[in-house]
mmCIF file of all heavy atoms, coordinates in Angstrom:
data_MODEL
# 
_entry.id   MODEL 
# 
loop_
_atom_site.group_PDB 
_atom_site.id 
_atom_site.type_symbol 
_atom_site.label_atom_id 
_atom_site.label_alt_id 
_atom_site.label_comp_id 
_atom_site.label_asym_id 
_atom_site.label_entity_id 
_atom_site.label_seq_id 
_atom_site.pdbx_PDB_ins_code 
_atom_site.Cartn_x 
_atom_site.Cartn_y 
_atom_site.Cartn_z 
_atom_site.occupancy 
_atom_site.B_iso_or_equiv 
_atom_site.pdbx_formal_charge 
_atom_site.auth_seq_id 
_atom_site.auth_comp_id 
_atom_site.auth_asym_id 
_atom_site.auth_atom_id 
_atom_site.pdbx_PDB_model_num 
ATOM 1   N N   . HIS A 1 1  ? 0.821  -1.215  0.000  1.00 0.00 ? 1  HIS A N   1 
ATOM 2   C CA  . HIS A 1 1  ? 0.000  0.000   0.000  1.00 0.00 ? 1  HIS A CA  1 
ATOM 3   C C   . HIS A 1 1  ? 0.856  1.266   0.000  1.00 0.00 ? 1  HIS A C   1 
ATOM 4   O O   . HIS A 1 1  ? 0.471  2.295   0.560  1.00 0.00 ? 1  HIS A O   1 
ATOM 5   C CB  . HIS A 1 1  ? -0.964 -0.019  1.196  1.00 0.00 ? 1  HIS A CB  1 
ATOM 6   C CG  . HIS A 1 1  ? -2.059 -1.021  1.029  1.00 0.00 ? 1  HIS A CG  1 
ATOM 7   N ND1 . HIS A 1 1  ? -1.858 -2.384  1.229  1.00 0.00 ? 1  HIS A ND1 1 
ATOM 8   C CD2 . HIS A 1 1  ? -3.376 -0.891  0.664  1.00 0.00 ? 1  HIS A CD2 1 
ATOM 9   C CE1 . HIS A 1 1  ? -2.986 -3.033  1.000  1.00 0.00 ? 1  HIS A CE1 1 
ATOM 10  N NE2 . HIS A 1 1  ? -3.919 -2.162  0.655  1.00 0.00 ? 1  HIS A NE2 1 
ATOM 11  N N   . GLY A 1 2  ? 2.026  1.157   -0.619 1.00 0.00 ? 2  GLY A N   1 
ATOM 12  C CA  . GLY A 1 2  ? 2.815  2.354   -0.917 1.00 0.00 ? 2  GLY A CA  1 
ATOM 13  C C   . GLY A 1 2  ? 3.890  2.734   0.069  1.00 0.00 ? 2  GLY A C   1 
ATOM 14  O O   . GLY A 1 2  ? 4.583  3.742   -0.134 1.00 0.00 ? 2  GLY A O   1 
ATOM 15  N N   . TYR A 1 3  ? 4.094  1.994   1.136  1.00 0.00 ? 3  TYR A N   1 
ATOM 16  C CA  . TYR A 1 3  ? 5.122  2.327   2.119  1.00 0.00 ? 3  TYR A CA  1 
ATOM 17  C C   . TYR A 1 3  ? 6.504  1.906   1.619  1.00 0.00 ? 3  TYR A C   1 
ATOM 18  O O   . TYR A 1 3  ? 6.644  0.944   0.860  1.00 0.00 ? 3  TYR A O   1 
ATOM 19  C CB  . TYR A 1 3  ? 4.875  1.594   3.441  1.00 0.00 ? 3  TYR A CB  1 
ATOM 20  C CG  . TYR A 1 3  ? 3.824  2.210   4.331  1.00 0.00 ? 3  TYR A CG  1 
ATOM 21  C CD1 . TYR A 1 3  ? 2.482  2.251   3.940  1.00 0.00 ? 3  TYR A CD1 1 
ATOM 22  C CD2 . TYR A 1 3  ? 4.151  2.729   5.582  1.00 0.00 ? 3  TYR A CD2 1 
ATOM 23  C CE1 . TYR A 1 3  ? 1.512  2.791   4.770  1.00 0.00 ? 3  TYR A CE1 1 
ATOM 24  C CE2 . TYR A 1 3  ? 3.195  3.264   6.415  1.00 0.00 ? 3  TYR A CE2 1 
ATOM 25  C CZ  . TYR A 1 3  ? 1.874  3.295   6.002  1.00 0.00 ? 3  TYR A CZ  1 
ATOM 26  O OH  . TYR A 1 3  ? 0.914  3.830   6.831  1.00 0.00 ? 3  TYR A OH  1 
ATOM 27  N N   . ARG A 1 4  ? 7.507  2.600   2.102  1.00 0.00 ? 4  ARG A N   1 
ATOM 28  C CA  . ARG A 1 4  ? 8.897  2.166   1.939  1.00 0.00 ? 4  ARG A CA  1 
ATOM 29  C C   . ARG A 1 4  ? 9.358  1.685   3.316  1.00 0.00 ? 4  ARG A C   1 
ATOM 30  O O   . ARG A 1 4  ? 9.382  2.451   4.279  1.00 0.00 ? 4  ARG A O   1 
ATOM 31  C CB  . ARG A 1 4  ? 9.780  3.312   1.449  1.00 0.00 ? 4  ARG A CB  1 
ATOM 32  C CG  . ARG A 1 4  ? 11.264 2.976   1.413  1.00 0.00 ? 4  ARG A CG  1 
ATOM 33  C CD  . ARG A 1 4  ? 12.074 4.098   0.769  1.00 0.00 ? 4  ARG A CD  1 
ATOM 34  N NE  . ARG A 1 4  ? 13.504 3.948   0.989  1.00 0.00 ? 4  ARG A NE  1 
ATOM 35  C CZ  . ARG A 1 4  ? 14.296 3.082   0.364  1.00 0.00 ? 4  ARG A CZ  1 
ATOM 36  N NH1 . ARG A 1 4  ? 13.772 2.258   -0.533 1.00 0.00 ? 4  ARG A NH1 1 
ATOM 37  N NH2 . ARG A 1 4  ? 15.579 3.030   0.613  1.00 0.00 ? 4  ARG A NH2 1 
ATOM 38  N N   . ASN A 1 5  ? 9.720  0.410   3.404  1.00 0.00 ? 5  ASN A N   1 
ATOM 39  C CA  . ASN A 1 5  ? 10.115 -0.194  4.675  1.00 0.00 ? 5  ASN A CA  1 
ATOM 40  C C   . ASN A 1 5  ? 11.595 -0.555  4.658  1.00 0.00 ? 5  ASN A C   1 
ATOM 41  O O   . ASN A 1 5  ? 12.124 -1.017  3.646  1.00 0.00 ? 5  ASN A O   1 
ATOM 42  C CB  . ASN A 1 5  ? 9.302  -1.468  4.934  1.00 0.00 ? 5  ASN A CB  1 
ATOM 43  C CG  . ASN A 1 5  ? 7.825  -1.187  5.132  1.00 0.00 ? 5  ASN A CG  1 
ATOM 44  O OD1 . ASN A 1 5  ? 7.408  -0.728  6.184  1.00 0.00 ? 5  ASN A OD1 1 
ATOM 45  N ND2 . ASN A 1 5  ? 7.029  -1.455  4.100  1.00 0.00 ? 5  ASN A ND2 1 
ATOM 46  N N   . ARG A 1 6  ? 12.242 -0.333  5.789  1.00 0.00 ? 6  ARG A N   1 
ATOM 47  C CA  . ARG A 1 6  ? 13.617 -0.783  5.988  1.00 0.00 ? 6  ARG A CA  1 
ATOM 48  C C   . ARG A 1 6  ? 13.646 -1.649  7.249  1.00 0.00 ? 6  ARG A C   1 
ATOM 49  O O   . ARG A 1 6  ? 12.942 -1.356  8.216  1.00 0.00 ? 6  ARG A O   1 
ATOM 50  C CB  . ARG A 1 6  ? 14.581 0.388   6.180  1.00 0.00 ? 6  ARG A CB  1 
ATOM 51  C CG  . ARG A 1 6  ? 14.537 1.477   5.125  1.00 0.00 ? 6  ARG A CG  1 
ATOM 52  C CD  . ARG A 1 6  ? 15.659 2.492   5.397  1.00 0.00 ? 6  ARG A CD  1 
ATOM 53  N NE  . ARG A 1 6  ? 15.531 3.674   4.555  1.00 0.00 ? 6  ARG A NE  1 
ATOM 54  C CZ  . ARG A 1 6  ? 15.208 4.878   4.993  1.00 0.00 ? 6  ARG A CZ  1 
ATOM 55  N NH1 . ARG A 1 6  ? 14.957 5.054   6.304  1.00 0.00 ? 6  ARG A NH1 1 
ATOM 56  N NH2 . ARG A 1 6  ? 15.129 5.906   4.168  1.00 0.00 ? 6  ARG A NH2 1 
ATOM 57  N N   . VAL A 1 7  ? 14.477 -2.675  7.241  1.00 0.00 ? 7  VAL A N   1 
ATOM 58  C CA  . VAL A 1 7  ? 14.642 -3.537  8.411  1.00 0.00 ? 7  VAL A CA  1 
ATOM 59  C C   . VAL A 1 7  ? 16.057 -3.381  8.940  1.00 0.00 ? 7  VAL A C   1 
ATOM 60  O O   . VAL A 1 7  ? 17.034 -3.429  8.165  1.00 0.00 ? 7  VAL A O   1 
ATOM 61  C CB  . VAL A 1 7  ? 14.362 -5.015  8.059  1.00 0.00 ? 7  VAL A CB  1 
ATOM 62  C CG1 . VAL A 1 7  ? 14.782 -5.936  9.197  1.00 0.00 ? 7  VAL A CG1 1 
ATOM 63  C CG2 . VAL A 1 7  ? 12.875 -5.200  7.747  1.00 0.00 ? 7  VAL A CG2 1 
ATOM 64  N N   . TYR A 1 8  ? 16.166 -3.179  10.260 1.00 0.00 ? 8  TYR A N   1 
ATOM 65  C CA  . TYR A 1 8  ? 17.473 -3.071  10.924 1.00 0.00 ? 8  TYR A CA  1 
ATOM 66  C C   . TYR A 1 8  ? 17.558 -4.165  11.998 1.00 0.00 ? 8  TYR A C   1 
ATOM 67  O O   . TYR A 1 8  ? 16.672 -4.271  12.845 1.00 0.00 ? 8  TYR A O   1 
ATOM 68  C CB  . TYR A 1 8  ? 17.634 -1.697  11.574 1.00 0.00 ? 8  TYR A CB  1 
ATOM 69  C CG  . TYR A 1 8  ? 17.805 -0.564  10.590 1.00 0.00 ? 8  TYR A CG  1 
ATOM 70  C CD1 . TYR A 1 8  ? 16.689 0.106   10.075 1.00 0.00 ? 8  TYR A CD1 1 
ATOM 71  C CD2 . TYR A 1 8  ? 19.071 -0.156  10.174 1.00 0.00 ? 8  TYR A CD2 1 
ATOM 72  C CE1 . TYR A 1 8  ? 16.834 1.149   9.173  1.00 0.00 ? 8  TYR A CE1 1 
ATOM 73  C CE2 . TYR A 1 8  ? 19.232 0.892   9.268  1.00 0.00 ? 8  TYR A CE2 1 
ATOM 74  C CZ  . TYR A 1 8  ? 18.105 1.535   8.772  1.00 0.00 ? 8  TYR A CZ  1 
ATOM 75  O OH  . TYR A 1 8  ? 18.261 2.563   7.879  1.00 0.00 ? 8  TYR A OH  1 
ATOM 76  N N   . PHE A 1 9  ? 18.639 -4.941  11.953 1.00 0.00 ? 9  PHE A N   1 
ATOM 77  C CA  . PHE A 1 9  ? 18.850 -5.967  12.961 1.00 0.00 ? 9  PHE A CA  1 
ATOM 78  C C   . PHE A 1 9  ? 19.518 -5.379  14.199 1.00 0.00 ? 9  PHE A C   1 
ATOM 79  O O   . PHE A 1 9  ? 20.520 -4.645  14.086 1.00 0.00 ? 9  PHE A O   1 
ATOM 80  C CB  . PHE A 1 9  ? 19.756 -7.084  12.435 1.00 0.00 ? 9  PHE A CB  1 
ATOM 81  C CG  . PHE A 1 9  ? 19.118 -8.000  11.431 1.00 0.00 ? 9  PHE A CG  1 
ATOM 82  C CD1 . PHE A 1 9  ? 19.895 -8.705  10.527 1.00 0.00 ? 9  PHE A CD1 1 
ATOM 83  C CD2 . PHE A 1 9  ? 17.739 -8.174  11.391 1.00 0.00 ? 9  PHE A CD2 1 
ATOM 84  C CE1 . PHE A 1 9  ? 19.330 -9.566  9.616  1.00 0.00 ? 9  PHE A CE1 1 
ATOM 85  C CE2 . PHE A 1 9  ? 17.152 -9.025  10.473 1.00 0.00 ? 9  PHE A CE2 1 
ATOM 86  C CZ  . PHE A 1 9  ? 17.950 -9.726  9.582  1.00 0.00 ? 9  PHE A CZ  1 
ATOM 87  N N   . TYR A 1 10 ? 18.969 -5.725  15.358 1.00 0.00 ? 10 TYR A N   1 
ATOM 88  C CA  . TYR A 1 10 ? 19.658 -5.476  16.630 1.00 0.00 ? 10 TYR A CA  1 
ATOM 89  C C   . TYR A 1 10 ? 20.297 -6.803  17.008 1.00 0.00 ? 10 TYR A C   1 
ATOM 90  O O   . TYR A 1 10 ? 19.663 -7.685  17.566 1.00 0.00 ? 10 TYR A O   1 
ATOM 91  C CB  . TYR A 1 10 ? 18.658 -5.005  17.686 1.00 0.00 ? 10 TYR A CB  1 
ATOM 92  C CG  . TYR A 1 10 ? 19.279 -4.662  19.023 1.00 0.00 ? 10 TYR A CG  1 
ATOM 93  C CD1 . TYR A 1 10 ? 20.344 -3.767  19.108 1.00 0.00 ? 10 TYR A CD1 1 
ATOM 94  C CD2 . TYR A 1 10 ? 18.777 -5.205  20.203 1.00 0.00 ? 10 TYR A CD2 1 
ATOM 95  C CE1 . TYR A 1 10 ? 20.904 -3.439  20.336 1.00 0.00 ? 10 TYR A CE1 1 
ATOM 96  C CE2 . TYR A 1 10 ? 19.325 -4.878  21.432 1.00 0.00 ? 10 TYR A CE2 1 
ATOM 97  C CZ  . TYR A 1 10 ? 20.392 -3.997  21.495 1.00 0.00 ? 10 TYR A CZ  1 
ATOM 98  O OH  . TYR A 1 10 ? 20.953 -3.669  22.714 1.00 0.00 ? 10 TYR A OH  1 
ATOM 99  N N   . ASN A 1 11 ? 21.588 -6.933  16.696 1.00 0.00 ? 11 ASN A N   1 
ATOM 100 C CA  . ASN A 1 11 ? 22.272 -8.216  16.667 1.00 0.00 ? 11 ASN A CA  1 
ATOM 101 C C   . ASN A 1 11 ? 23.194 -8.364  17.868 1.00 0.00 ? 11 ASN A C   1 
ATOM 102 O O   . ASN A 1 11 ? 24.423 -8.333  17.747 1.00 0.00 ? 11 ASN A O   1 
ATOM 103 C CB  . ASN A 1 11 ? 23.044 -8.337  15.353 1.00 0.00 ? 11 ASN A CB  1 
ATOM 104 C CG  . ASN A 1 11 ? 23.499 -9.749  15.057 1.00 0.00 ? 11 ASN A CG  1 
ATOM 105 O OD1 . ASN A 1 11 ? 23.386 -10.638 15.894 1.00 0.00 ? 11 ASN A OD1 1 
ATOM 106 N ND2 . ASN A 1 11 ? 24.025 -9.941  13.862 1.00 0.00 ? 11 ASN A ND2 1 
ATOM 107 N N   . VAL A 1 12 ? 22.605 -8.539  19.058 1.00 0.00 ? 12 VAL A N   1 
ATOM 108 C CA  . VAL A 1 12 ? 23.385 -8.626  20.293 1.00 0.00 ? 12 VAL A CA  1 
ATOM 109 C C   . VAL A 1 12 ? 24.319 -9.828  20.282 1.00 0.00 ? 12 VAL A C   1 
ATOM 110 O O   . VAL A 1 12 ? 25.447 -9.765  20.780 1.00 0.00 ? 12 VAL A O   1 
ATOM 111 C CB  . VAL A 1 12 ? 22.439 -8.691  21.514 1.00 0.00 ? 12 VAL A CB  1 
ATOM 112 C CG1 . VAL A 1 12 ? 23.216 -8.919  22.806 1.00 0.00 ? 12 VAL A CG1 1 
ATOM 113 C CG2 . VAL A 1 12 ? 21.621 -7.399  21.618 1.00 0.00 ? 12 VAL A CG2 1 
ATOM 114 N N   . GLN A 1 13 ? 23.879 -10.936 19.699 1.00 0.00 ? 13 GLN A N   1 
ATOM 115 C CA  . GLN A 1 13 ? 24.678 -12.161 19.698 1.00 0.00 ? 13 GLN A CA  1 
ATOM 116 C C   . GLN A 1 13 ? 25.770 -12.163 18.635 1.00 0.00 ? 13 GLN A C   1 
ATOM 117 O O   . GLN A 1 13 ? 26.545 -13.120 18.548 1.00 0.00 ? 13 GLN A O   1 
ATOM 118 C CB  . GLN A 1 13 ? 23.758 -13.378 19.481 1.00 0.00 ? 13 GLN A CB  1 
ATOM 119 C CG  . GLN A 1 13 ? 22.593 -13.478 20.441 1.00 0.00 ? 13 GLN A CG  1 
ATOM 120 C CD  . GLN A 1 13 ? 23.023 -13.782 21.861 1.00 0.00 ? 13 GLN A CD  1 
ATOM 121 O OE1 . GLN A 1 13 ? 24.127 -14.228 22.103 1.00 0.00 ? 13 GLN A OE1 1 
ATOM 122 N NE2 . GLN A 1 13 ? 22.138 -13.532 22.823 1.00 0.00 ? 13 GLN A NE2 1 
ATOM 123 N N   . ARG A 1 14 ? 25.836 -11.120 17.807 1.00 0.00 ? 14 ARG A N   1 
ATOM 124 C CA  . ARG A 1 14 ? 26.830 -11.003 16.739 1.00 0.00 ? 14 ARG A CA  1 
ATOM 125 C C   . ARG A 1 14 ? 26.716 -12.158 15.743 1.00 0.00 ? 14 ARG A C   1 
ATOM 126 O O   . ARG A 1 14 ? 27.717 -12.681 15.246 1.00 0.00 ? 14 ARG A O   1 
ATOM 127 C CB  . ARG A 1 14 ? 28.260 -10.969 17.314 1.00 0.00 ? 14 ARG A CB  1 
ATOM 128 C CG  . ARG A 1 14 ? 28.491 -9.913  18.382 1.00 0.00 ? 14 ARG A CG  1 
ATOM 129 C CD  . ARG A 1 14 ? 28.363 -8.517  17.848 1.00 0.00 ? 14 ARG A CD  1 
ATOM 130 N NE  . ARG A 1 14 ? 28.653 -7.511  18.885 1.00 0.00 ? 14 ARG A NE  1 
ATOM 131 C CZ  . ARG A 1 14 ? 28.466 -6.209  18.731 1.00 0.00 ? 14 ARG A CZ  1 
ATOM 132 N NH1 . ARG A 1 14 ? 27.972 -5.737  17.595 1.00 0.00 ? 14 ARG A NH1 1 
ATOM 133 N NH2 . ARG A 1 14 ? 28.754 -5.362  19.706 1.00 0.00 ? 14 ARG A NH2 1 
ATOM 134 N N   . GLY A 1 15 ? 25.487 -12.570 15.456 1.00 0.00 ? 15 GLY A N   1 
ATOM 135 C CA  . GLY A 1 15 ? 25.277 -13.610 14.454 1.00 0.00 ? 15 GLY A CA  1 
ATOM 136 C C   . GLY A 1 15 ? 25.607 -13.098 13.066 1.00 0.00 ? 15 GLY A C   1 
ATOM 137 O O   . GLY A 1 15 ? 25.717 -11.887 12.825 1.00 0.00 ? 15 GLY A O   1 
ATOM 138 N N   . ASP A 1 16 ? 25.780 -14.022 12.134 1.00 0.00 ? 16 ASP A N   1 
ATOM 139 C CA  . ASP A 1 16 ? 26.142 -13.660 10.767 1.00 0.00 ? 16 ASP A CA  1 
ATOM 140 C C   . ASP A 1 16 ? 24.986 -12.918 10.088 1.00 0.00 ? 16 ASP A C   1 
ATOM 141 O O   . ASP A 1 16 ? 23.900 -13.479 9.904  1.00 0.00 ? 16 ASP A O   1 
ATOM 142 C CB  . ASP A 1 16 ? 26.488 -14.928 9.982  1.00 0.00 ? 16 ASP A CB  1 
ATOM 143 C CG  . ASP A 1 16 ? 26.870 -14.617 8.551  1.00 0.00 ? 16 ASP A CG  1 
ATOM 144 O OD1 . ASP A 1 16 ? 27.883 -13.933 8.345  1.00 0.00 ? 16 ASP A OD1 1 
ATOM 145 O OD2 . ASP A 1 16 ? 26.126 -15.035 7.640  1.00 0.00 ? 16 ASP A OD2 1 
ATOM 146 N N   . HIS A 1 17 ? 25.222 -11.666 9.711  1.00 0.00 ? 17 HIS A N   1 
ATOM 147 C CA  . HIS A 1 17 ? 24.169 -10.815 9.160  1.00 0.00 ? 17 HIS A CA  1 
ATOM 148 C C   . HIS A 1 17 ? 23.583 -11.420 7.882  1.00 0.00 ? 17 HIS A C   1 
ATOM 149 O O   . HIS A 1 17 ? 22.358 -11.480 7.711  1.00 0.00 ? 17 HIS A O   1 
ATOM 150 C CB  . HIS A 1 17 ? 24.718 -9.415  8.876  1.00 0.00 ? 17 HIS A CB  1 
ATOM 151 C CG  . HIS A 1 17 ? 23.693 -8.462  8.337  1.00 0.00 ? 17 HIS A CG  1 
ATOM 152 N ND1 . HIS A 1 17 ? 22.941 -7.643  9.133  1.00 0.00 ? 17 HIS A ND1 1 
ATOM 153 C CD2 . HIS A 1 17 ? 23.280 -8.221  7.058  1.00 0.00 ? 17 HIS A CD2 1 
ATOM 154 C CE1 . HIS A 1 17 ? 22.110 -6.922  8.388  1.00 0.00 ? 17 HIS A CE1 1 
ATOM 155 N NE2 . HIS A 1 17 ? 22.300 -7.266  7.115  1.00 0.00 ? 17 HIS A NE2 1 
ATOM 156 N N   . ALA A 1 18 ? 24.459 -11.879 6.982  1.00 0.00 ? 18 ALA A N   1 
ATOM 157 C CA  . ALA A 1 18 ? 23.983 -12.405 5.702  1.00 0.00 ? 18 ALA A CA  1 
ATOM 158 C C   . ALA A 1 18 ? 23.093 -13.627 5.892  1.00 0.00 ? 18 ALA A C   1 
ATOM 159 O O   . ALA A 1 18 ? 22.120 -13.828 5.154  1.00 0.00 ? 18 ALA A O   1 
ATOM 160 C CB  . ALA A 1 18 ? 25.178 -12.745 4.803  1.00 0.00 ? 18 ALA A CB  1 
ATOM 161 N N   . TYR A 1 19 ? 23.450 -14.444 6.875  1.00 0.00 ? 19 TYR A N   1 
ATOM 162 C CA  . TYR A 1 19 ? 22.672 -15.654 7.161  1.00 0.00 ? 19 TYR A CA  1 
ATOM 163 C C   . TYR A 1 19 ? 21.245 -15.286 7.559  1.00 0.00 ? 19 TYR A C   1 
ATOM 164 O O   . TYR A 1 19 ? 20.274 -15.845 7.028  1.00 0.00 ? 19 TYR A O   1 
ATOM 165 C CB  . TYR A 1 19 ? 23.369 -16.432 8.277  1.00 0.00 ? 19 TYR A CB  1 
ATOM 166 C CG  . TYR A 1 19 ? 22.619 -17.637 8.791  1.00 0.00 ? 19 TYR A CG  1 
ATOM 167 C CD1 . TYR A 1 19 ? 22.580 -18.823 8.072  1.00 0.00 ? 19 TYR A CD1 1 
ATOM 168 C CD2 . TYR A 1 19 ? 21.964 -17.592 10.028 1.00 0.00 ? 19 TYR A CD2 1 
ATOM 169 C CE1 . TYR A 1 19 ? 21.908 -19.933 8.557  1.00 0.00 ? 19 TYR A CE1 1 
ATOM 170 C CE2 . TYR A 1 19 ? 21.282 -18.704 10.518 1.00 0.00 ? 19 TYR A CE2 1 
ATOM 171 C CZ  . TYR A 1 19 ? 21.265 -19.869 9.777  1.00 0.00 ? 19 TYR A CZ  1 
ATOM 172 O OH  . TYR A 1 19 ? 20.596 -20.958 10.267 1.00 0.00 ? 19 TYR A OH  1 
ATOM 173 N N   . TYR A 1 20 ? 21.096 -14.339 8.486  1.00 0.00 ? 20 TYR A N   1 
ATOM 174 C CA  . TYR A 1 20 ? 19.759 -13.966 8.938  1.00 0.00 ? 20 TYR A CA  1 
ATOM 175 C C   . TYR A 1 20 ? 19.017 -13.131 7.901  1.00 0.00 ? 20 TYR A C   1 
ATOM 176 O O   . TYR A 1 20 ? 17.791 -13.216 7.792  1.00 0.00 ? 20 TYR A O   1 
ATOM 177 C CB  . TYR A 1 20 ? 19.845 -13.242 10.279 1.00 0.00 ? 20 TYR A CB  1 
ATOM 178 C CG  . TYR A 1 20 ? 20.206 -14.174 11.406 1.00 0.00 ? 20 TYR A CG  1 
ATOM 179 C CD1 . TYR A 1 20 ? 21.479 -14.178 11.963 1.00 0.00 ? 20 TYR A CD1 1 
ATOM 180 C CD2 . TYR A 1 20 ? 19.280 -15.097 11.876 1.00 0.00 ? 20 TYR A CD2 1 
ATOM 181 C CE1 . TYR A 1 20 ? 21.819 -15.056 12.984 1.00 0.00 ? 20 TYR A CE1 1 
ATOM 182 C CE2 . TYR A 1 20 ? 19.601 -15.983 12.893 1.00 0.00 ? 20 TYR A CE2 1 
ATOM 183 C CZ  . TYR A 1 20 ? 20.878 -15.960 13.444 1.00 0.00 ? 20 TYR A CZ  1 
ATOM 184 O OH  . TYR A 1 20 ? 21.199 -16.848 14.437 1.00 0.00 ? 20 TYR A OH  1 
ATOM 185 N N   . GLU A 1 21 ? 19.740 -12.353 7.132  1.00 0.00 ? 21 GLU A N   1 
ATOM 186 C CA  . GLU A 1 21 ? 19.099 -11.605 6.060  1.00 0.00 ? 21 GLU A CA  1 
ATOM 187 C C   . GLU A 1 21 ? 18.467 -12.557 5.040  1.00 0.00 ? 21 GLU A C   1 
ATOM 188 O O   . GLU A 1 21 ? 17.396 -12.275 4.488  1.00 0.00 ? 21 GLU A O   1 
ATOM 189 C CB  . GLU A 1 21 ? 20.116 -10.697 5.368  1.00 0.00 ? 21 GLU A CB  1 
ATOM 190 C CG  . GLU A 1 21 ? 19.504 -9.858  4.257  1.00 0.00 ? 21 GLU A CG  1 
ATOM 191 C CD  . GLU A 1 21 ? 20.519 -8.960  3.567  1.00 0.00 ? 21 GLU A CD  1 
ATOM 192 O OE1 . GLU A 1 21 ? 21.650 -8.814  4.081  1.00 0.00 ? 21 GLU A OE1 1 
ATOM 193 O OE2 . GLU A 1 21 ? 20.166 -8.392  2.509  1.00 0.00 ? 21 GLU A OE2 1 
ATOM 194 N N   . SER A 1 22 ? 19.119 -13.695 4.814  1.00 0.00 ? 22 SER A N   1 
ATOM 195 C CA  . SER A 1 22 ? 18.585 -14.653 3.845  1.00 0.00 ? 22 SER A CA  1 
ATOM 196 C C   . SER A 1 22 ? 17.205 -15.161 4.280  1.00 0.00 ? 22 SER A C   1 
ATOM 197 O O   . SER A 1 22 ? 16.335 -15.407 3.440  1.00 0.00 ? 22 SER A O   1 
ATOM 198 C CB  . SER A 1 22 ? 19.557 -15.828 3.660  1.00 0.00 ? 22 SER A CB  1 
ATOM 199 O OG  . SER A 1 22 ? 19.604 -16.653 4.825  1.00 0.00 ? 22 SER A OG  1 
ATOM 200 N N   . PHE A 1 23 ? 16.983 -15.322 5.588  1.00 0.00 ? 23 PHE A N   1 
ATOM 201 C CA  . PHE A 1 23 ? 15.673 -15.760 6.069  1.00 0.00 ? 23 PHE A CA  1 
ATOM 202 C C   . PHE A 1 23 ? 14.634 -14.658 5.906  1.00 0.00 ? 23 PHE A C   1 
ATOM 203 O O   . PHE A 1 23 ? 13.470 -14.925 5.591  1.00 0.00 ? 23 PHE A O   1 
ATOM 204 C CB  . PHE A 1 23 ? 15.747 -16.192 7.531  1.00 0.00 ? 23 PHE A CB  1 
ATOM 205 C CG  . PHE A 1 23 ? 16.499 -17.473 7.751  1.00 0.00 ? 23 PHE A CG  1 
ATOM 206 C CD1 . PHE A 1 23 ? 17.594 -17.510 8.594  1.00 0.00 ? 23 PHE A CD1 1 
ATOM 207 C CD2 . PHE A 1 23 ? 16.136 -18.635 7.100  1.00 0.00 ? 23 PHE A CD2 1 
ATOM 208 C CE1 . PHE A 1 23 ? 18.294 -18.683 8.797  1.00 0.00 ? 23 PHE A CE1 1 
ATOM 209 C CE2 . PHE A 1 23 ? 16.816 -19.810 7.291  1.00 0.00 ? 23 PHE A CE2 1 
ATOM 210 C CZ  . PHE A 1 23 ? 17.912 -19.842 8.146  1.00 0.00 ? 23 PHE A CZ  1 
ATOM 211 N N   . VAL A 1 24 ? 15.048 -13.415 6.147  1.00 0.00 ? 24 VAL A N   1 
ATOM 212 C CA  . VAL A 1 24 ? 14.124 -12.294 5.966  1.00 0.00 ? 24 VAL A CA  1 
ATOM 213 C C   . VAL A 1 24 ? 13.600 -12.273 4.531  1.00 0.00 ? 24 VAL A C   1 
ATOM 214 O O   . VAL A 1 24 ? 12.422 -11.999 4.286  1.00 0.00 ? 24 VAL A O   1 
ATOM 215 C CB  . VAL A 1 24 ? 14.837 -10.968 6.317  1.00 0.00 ? 24 VAL A CB  1 
ATOM 216 C CG1 . VAL A 1 24 ? 14.030 -9.782  5.818  1.00 0.00 ? 24 VAL A CG1 1 
ATOM 217 C CG2 . VAL A 1 24 ? 15.025 -10.856 7.830  1.00 0.00 ? 24 VAL A CG2 1 
ATOM 218 N N   . ARG A 1 25 ? 14.461 -12.617 3.602  1.00 0.00 ? 25 ARG A N   1 
ATOM 219 C CA  . ARG A 1 25 ? 14.072 -12.568 2.199  1.00 0.00 ? 25 ARG A CA  1 
ATOM 220 C C   . ARG A 1 25 ? 13.349 -13.840 1.754  1.00 0.00 ? 25 ARG A C   1 
ATOM 221 O O   . ARG A 1 25 ? 12.282 -13.772 1.135  1.00 0.00 ? 25 ARG A O   1 
ATOM 222 C CB  . ARG A 1 25 ? 15.306 -12.330 1.327  1.00 0.00 ? 25 ARG A CB  1 
ATOM 223 C CG  . ARG A 1 25 ? 16.070 -11.067 1.740  1.00 0.00 ? 25 ARG A CG  1 
ATOM 224 C CD  . ARG A 1 25 ? 16.804 -10.450 0.581  1.00 0.00 ? 25 ARG A CD  1 
ATOM 225 N NE  . ARG A 1 25 ? 17.596 -9.282  1.013  1.00 0.00 ? 25 ARG A NE  1 
ATOM 226 C CZ  . ARG A 1 25 ? 17.075 -8.082  1.243  1.00 0.00 ? 25 ARG A CZ  1 
ATOM 227 N NH1 . ARG A 1 25 ? 15.775 -7.885  1.106  1.00 0.00 ? 25 ARG A NH1 1 
ATOM 228 N NH2 . ARG A 1 25 ? 17.855 -7.071  1.625  1.00 0.00 ? 25 ARG A NH2 1 
# 
């Protein structure tokens, strides 16, 4: 419905960003 959304990880455990981004997608 026309929004522009951005997602930001709060990654306290320092997990692999690319790994979790793949699930988001």
